[in-house]
Amino acid sequence: MKPKMMHVVAVGLAMAMMLSACSMRTSAQKQETTSSPSVSASQTGGKIASSLQEFAQSLLDEDAKHPSMADEQKETIERAVKNNGKLTRADYEQAWSTYRTCITSRGWTSPPVIQHGDLYGEPQVNTKGMSKEQSDKLFDDIQDCAFKYKTNVDSLYRTQVGNPGLSSDTDQLIVDCLIKNGVVPVSFTKKQYKKEMGEDLSPGEKYVGPTSFSVSDERVQSCFFAQGFYFNDDAGTSEPVWKPIS
């Protein structure tokens, strides 16, 4: 298969940094799912933490140093720490609902829901007709609402669902998921994946195929989404676009 050039973009706050009138994404970026780094992978043998509970506690510890969470989100993480680091589905749903309510309370329309599997993400943004001042305010509001109400809950739940082994190797997690979902053969390697995604290419060089999987396949999208990525429109997928102003 030789599809359009693939682009993978972050879910979450990175959306706010890509506001453009044409609402097209053309680069690969990773989701900023948390306001704090977890325990160093070098200290935990290739893991983001020794346990989910430790990862949850690290979110609280970082917030204590650099406060950003509203009490509601902080209390949710605190409950998770007491539950071996695990969040309930209701916790996750509530965090995203409160975040969207925060966005609308700032005068913007409600962002459409983007979902693959059990996880949510941010939509593309169409800023056509918006002034620079409006775009800047939108970015500030998205960032403020996210950090207050859902960023760390999303990070913890996404880790709980998509990375229960707490691996720090995102590429291998995606490869393992693609194999598990029957998208690629068991012989498919991280090296081949990185080549197809353009990670091992020289600056300015593009990989033009063939590729081992189709980005329009929901099984593929769910693997990337679980690790905080989604595909661009120009990769052949179609997701709702958010128009923040009526």
Protein backbone atom coordinates (compact mmCIF):
# COMPACT_ATOMS: atom_id res chain seq x y z
CA MET A 1 0.00 0.00 0.00
CA LYS A 2 1.24 3.47 -0.83
CA PRO A 3 -1.09 6.02 0.79
CA LYS A 4 -0.68 9.73 1.11
CA MET A 5 2.21 10.88 3.20
CA MET A 6 1.40 10.10 6.82
CA HIS A 7 1.49 12.77 9.47
CA VAL A 8 0.88 12.04 13.12
CA VAL A 9 0.01 14.85 15.46
CA ALA A 10 -0.42 15.16 19.18
CA VAL A 11 -3.72 15.04 20.95
CA GLY A 12 -4.18 17.67 23.62
CA LEU A 13 -2.54 20.99 24.25
CA ALA A 14 -0.40 20.80 21.13
CA MET A 15 -3.63 21.46 19.26
CA ALA A 16 -3.64 24.98 20.60
CA MET A 17 -0.21 25.64 19.21
CA MET A 18 -1.25 24.75 15.68
CA LEU A 19 -4.10 27.17 15.15
CA SER A 20 -4.34 28.17 11.52
CA ALA A 21 -6.93 29.51 9.14
CA CYS A 22 -6.71 26.45 6.93
CA SER A 23 -6.91 24.10 9.91
CA MET A 24 -4.43 21.64 8.44
CA ARG A 25 -1.67 19.84 10.31
CA THR A 26 1.53 19.05 8.49
CA SER A 27 4.02 17.89 11.10
CA ALA A 28 4.47 15.10 13.60
CA GLN A 29 4.11 16.09 17.22
CA LYS A 30 3.59 14.25 20.49
CA GLN A 31 0.82 14.97 22.90
CA GLU A 32 1.54 17.12 25.93
CA THR A 33 -0.55 14.98 28.24
CA THR A 34 0.90 16.11 31.51
CA SER A 35 2.30 19.25 33.02
CA SER A 36 5.00 17.24 34.73
CA PRO A 37 7.64 14.71 33.76
CA SER A 38 7.30 11.32 35.36
CA VAL A 39 10.11 9.49 37.10
CA SER A 40 13.12 9.28 34.81
CA ALA A 41 13.08 6.21 32.57
CA SER A 42 16.79 5.78 33.21
CA GLN A 43 15.98 5.40 36.88
CA THR A 44 13.26 2.82 36.37
CA GLY A 45 14.72 0.48 33.74
CA GLY A 46 12.92 1.84 30.70
CA LYS A 47 9.69 2.62 32.51
CA ILE A 48 7.99 5.93 33.16
CA ALA A 49 7.49 4.84 36.78
CA SER A 50 7.78 1.71 38.88
CA SER A 51 4.00 1.54 39.31
CA LEU A 52 0.86 3.33 38.23
CA GLN A 53 0.48 4.53 41.80
CA GLU A 54 3.95 6.08 41.69
CA PHE A 55 3.15 7.75 38.39
CA ALA A 56 -0.05 9.21 39.85
CA GLN A 57 1.84 10.45 42.90
CA SER A 58 4.45 12.09 40.67
CA LEU A 59 1.68 14.18 39.11
CA LEU A 60 0.67 15.42 42.54
CA ASP A 61 4.27 16.05 43.55
CA GLU A 62 4.93 18.14 40.46
CA ASP A 63 1.72 20.10 40.95
CA ALA A 64 2.80 20.86 44.50
CA LYS A 65 5.94 22.47 43.06
CA HIS A 66 4.21 24.21 40.17
CA PRO A 67 0.46 24.43 40.94
CA SER A 68 -1.83 24.22 37.93
CA MET A 69 -4.60 21.78 38.86
CA ALA A 70 -7.96 22.91 40.15
CA ASP A 71 -9.05 21.23 43.38
CA GLU A 72 -11.44 18.97 41.46
CA GLN A 73 -8.69 17.43 39.34
CA LYS A 74 -6.27 17.23 42.24
CA GLU A 75 -8.82 15.37 44.37
CA THR A 76 -9.40 12.93 41.50
CA ILE A 77 -5.69 12.14 41.29
CA GLU A 78 -5.51 11.81 45.08
CA ARG A 79 -8.31 9.22 44.98
CA ALA A 80 -6.43 7.37 42.27
CA VAL A 81 -3.28 7.22 44.41
CA LYS A 82 -5.34 5.56 47.15
CA ASN A 83 -6.65 3.10 44.52
CA ASN A 84 -3.24 1.86 43.36
CA GLY A 85 -3.06 4.67 40.83
CA LYS A 86 -6.21 3.67 38.99
CA LEU A 87 -8.94 6.04 37.85
CA THR A 88 -12.53 5.08 37.21
CA ARG A 89 -14.16 5.64 33.85
CA ALA A 90 -16.45 8.13 35.58
CA ASP A 91 -13.40 10.11 36.74
CA TYR A 92 -12.14 10.33 33.18
CA GLU A 93 -15.51 11.29 31.73
CA GLN A 94 -16.01 13.97 34.38
CA ALA A 95 -12.60 15.52 33.77
CA TRP A 96 -13.26 15.90 30.06
CA SER A 97 -16.79 17.18 30.68
CA THR A 98 -15.54 19.81 33.12
CA TYR A 99 -12.83 20.84 30.67
CA ARG A 100 -15.38 21.37 27.89
CA THR A 101 -17.60 23.33 30.26
CA CYS A 102 -14.63 25.53 31.11
CA ILE A 103 -14.05 26.19 27.40
CA THR A 104 -17.66 27.24 26.80
CA SER A 105 -17.63 29.40 29.93
CA ARG A 106 -14.87 31.43 28.28
CA GLY A 107 -17.21 32.29 25.41
CA TRP A 108 -16.20 29.61 22.89
CA THR A 109 -18.38 26.98 21.27
CA SER A 110 -18.20 23.47 22.69
CA PRO A 111 -15.37 21.38 21.14
CA PRO A 112 -16.61 18.27 19.31
CA VAL A 113 -15.81 14.93 20.90
CA ILE A 114 -12.97 12.99 19.28
CA GLN A 115 -12.85 9.37 20.40
CA HIS A 116 -11.01 6.21 19.41
CA GLY A 117 -11.62 3.20 21.59
CA ASP A 118 -12.03 4.35 25.17
CA LEU A 119 -10.00 7.55 24.83
CA TYR A 120 -10.81 11.16 24.01
CA GLY A 121 -8.71 13.78 22.26
CA GLU A 122 -8.76 17.33 21.03
CA PRO A 123 -10.27 18.23 17.63
CA GLN A 124 -8.69 20.19 14.85
CA VAL A 125 -9.35 23.91 15.09
CA ASN A 126 -10.59 26.16 12.30
CA THR A 127 -9.65 29.72 13.19
CA LYS A 128 -10.87 31.27 9.96
CA GLY A 129 -12.30 34.70 10.70
CA MET A 130 -10.55 34.99 14.05
CA SER A 131 -8.15 37.82 14.82
CA LYS A 132 -4.70 37.23 16.28
CA GLU A 133 -6.00 38.47 19.61
CA GLN A 134 -8.84 35.95 19.51
CA SER A 135 -6.47 33.13 18.55
CA ASP A 136 -4.10 34.06 21.36
CA LYS A 137 -6.97 34.12 23.83
CA LEU A 138 -8.19 30.75 22.58
CA PHE A 139 -4.76 29.23 23.16
CA ASP A 140 -4.60 30.70 26.66
CA ASP A 141 -8.09 29.46 27.50
CA ILE A 142 -7.43 25.95 26.18
CA GLN A 143 -4.21 25.72 28.13
CA ASP A 144 -5.72 27.09 31.33
CA CYS A 145 -8.84 24.90 31.21
CA ALA A 146 -6.85 21.80 30.32
CA PHE A 147 -4.24 22.14 33.03
CA LYS A 148 -6.89 22.96 35.61
CA TYR A 149 -9.38 20.22 34.85
CA LYS A 150 -8.15 17.31 32.74
CA THR A 151 -4.52 17.21 31.63
CA ASN A 152 -3.19 15.01 34.42
CA VAL A 153 -6.33 12.90 34.64
CA ASP A 154 -6.06 12.29 30.91
CA SER A 155 -2.38 11.41 31.22
CA LEU A 156 -3.01 8.95 34.04
CA TYR A 157 -6.03 7.30 32.42
CA ARG A 158 -4.33 7.10 29.01
CA THR A 159 -1.37 5.40 30.69
CA GLN A 160 -3.69 3.07 32.60
CA VAL A 161 -5.47 2.01 29.40
CA GLY A 162 -2.76 2.24 26.75
CA ASN A 163 0.41 1.50 28.67
CA PRO A 164 -0.32 -0.74 31.67
CA GLY A 165 3.29 -1.95 31.65
CA LEU A 166 4.46 1.66 32.04
CA SER A 167 6.97 1.36 29.21
CA SER A 168 8.86 4.48 28.17
CA ASP A 169 9.24 3.14 24.59
CA THR A 170 6.28 4.69 22.78
CA ASP A 171 7.36 3.42 19.36
CA GLN A 172 7.47 -0.18 20.58
CA LEU A 173 4.10 0.20 22.28
CA ILE A 174 2.57 1.25 18.96
CA VAL A 175 4.28 -1.60 17.09
CA ASP A 176 3.07 -4.13 19.67
CA CYS A 177 -0.46 -2.77 19.37
CA LEU A 178 -0.41 -2.96 15.56
CA ILE A 179 0.71 -6.58 15.79
CA LYS A 180 -1.87 -7.40 18.48
CA ASN A 181 -4.63 -5.87 16.35
CA GLY A 182 -3.61 -7.99 13.37
CA VAL A 183 -2.66 -4.97 11.27
CA VAL A 184 0.95 -5.98 10.63
CA PRO A 185 2.74 -9.36 10.78
CA VAL A 186 4.58 -10.45 13.92
CA SER A 187 7.82 -9.87 12.01
CA PHE A 188 7.13 -6.11 11.83
CA THR A 189 9.83 -4.28 13.76
CA LYS A 190 10.27 -0.94 15.46
CA LYS A 191 13.05 -0.18 12.99
CA GLN A 192 10.67 -0.60 10.05
CA TYR A 193 8.00 1.42 11.84
CA LYS A 194 10.39 4.30 12.50
CA LYS A 195 11.46 4.23 8.85
CA GLU A 196 7.89 4.39 7.60
CA MET A 197 7.08 7.19 10.01
CA GLY A 198 10.13 9.14 8.87
CA GLU A 199 11.86 9.10 12.25
CA ASP A 200 15.17 7.72 10.92
CA LEU A 201 15.39 9.95 7.87
CA SER A 202 17.70 12.87 7.23
CA PRO A 203 16.34 16.40 7.72
CA GLY A 204 14.04 17.29 4.85
CA GLU A 205 13.83 13.70 3.60
CA LYS A 206 10.41 12.06 3.34
CA TYR A 207 9.42 8.42 3.33
CA VAL A 208 7.01 7.91 0.44
CA GLY A 209 6.08 4.29 0.92
CA PRO A 210 5.03 1.62 0.61
CA THR A 211 3.71 1.44 4.15
CA SER A 212 2.65 -1.59 6.13
CA PHE A 213 -0.67 -0.21 7.36
CA SER A 214 -3.47 2.12 6.37
CA VAL A 215 -4.14 5.18 8.50
CA SER A 216 -7.83 4.95 7.67
CA ASP A 217 -8.02 1.66 9.61
CA GLU A 218 -9.65 2.22 13.00
CA ARG A 219 -7.37 -0.48 14.46
CA VAL A 220 -4.37 1.62 13.45
CA GLN A 221 -5.84 4.88 14.71
CA SER A 222 -6.65 3.35 18.08
CA CYS A 223 -3.02 2.23 18.53
CA PHE A 224 -1.69 5.72 17.90
CA PHE A 225 -4.45 7.39 19.87
CA ALA A 226 -3.70 5.28 22.95
CA GLN A 227 -0.21 6.77 22.98
CA GLY A 228 -1.37 10.33 22.47
CA PHE A 229 -1.21 10.66 18.68
CA TYR A 230 -3.71 11.15 15.88
CA PHE A 231 -3.46 11.49 12.13
CA ASN A 232 -3.68 14.62 10.01
CA ASP A 233 -6.50 15.25 7.56
CA ASP A 234 -4.01 14.92 4.72
CA ALA A 235 -3.29 11.36 5.82
CA GLY A 236 -6.73 10.30 4.65
CA THR A 237 -8.77 10.37 7.85
CA SER A 238 -11.72 12.56 8.66
CA GLU A 239 -12.33 14.00 12.10
CA PRO A 240 -14.72 16.76 13.21
CA VAL A 241 -13.26 20.25 13.03
CA TRP A 242 -13.92 22.71 15.83
CA LYS A 243 -14.99 26.26 15.01
CA PRO A 244 -14.53 28.10 18.32
CA ILE A 245 -16.65 31.07 17.24
CA SER A 246 -20.19 30.86 15.90
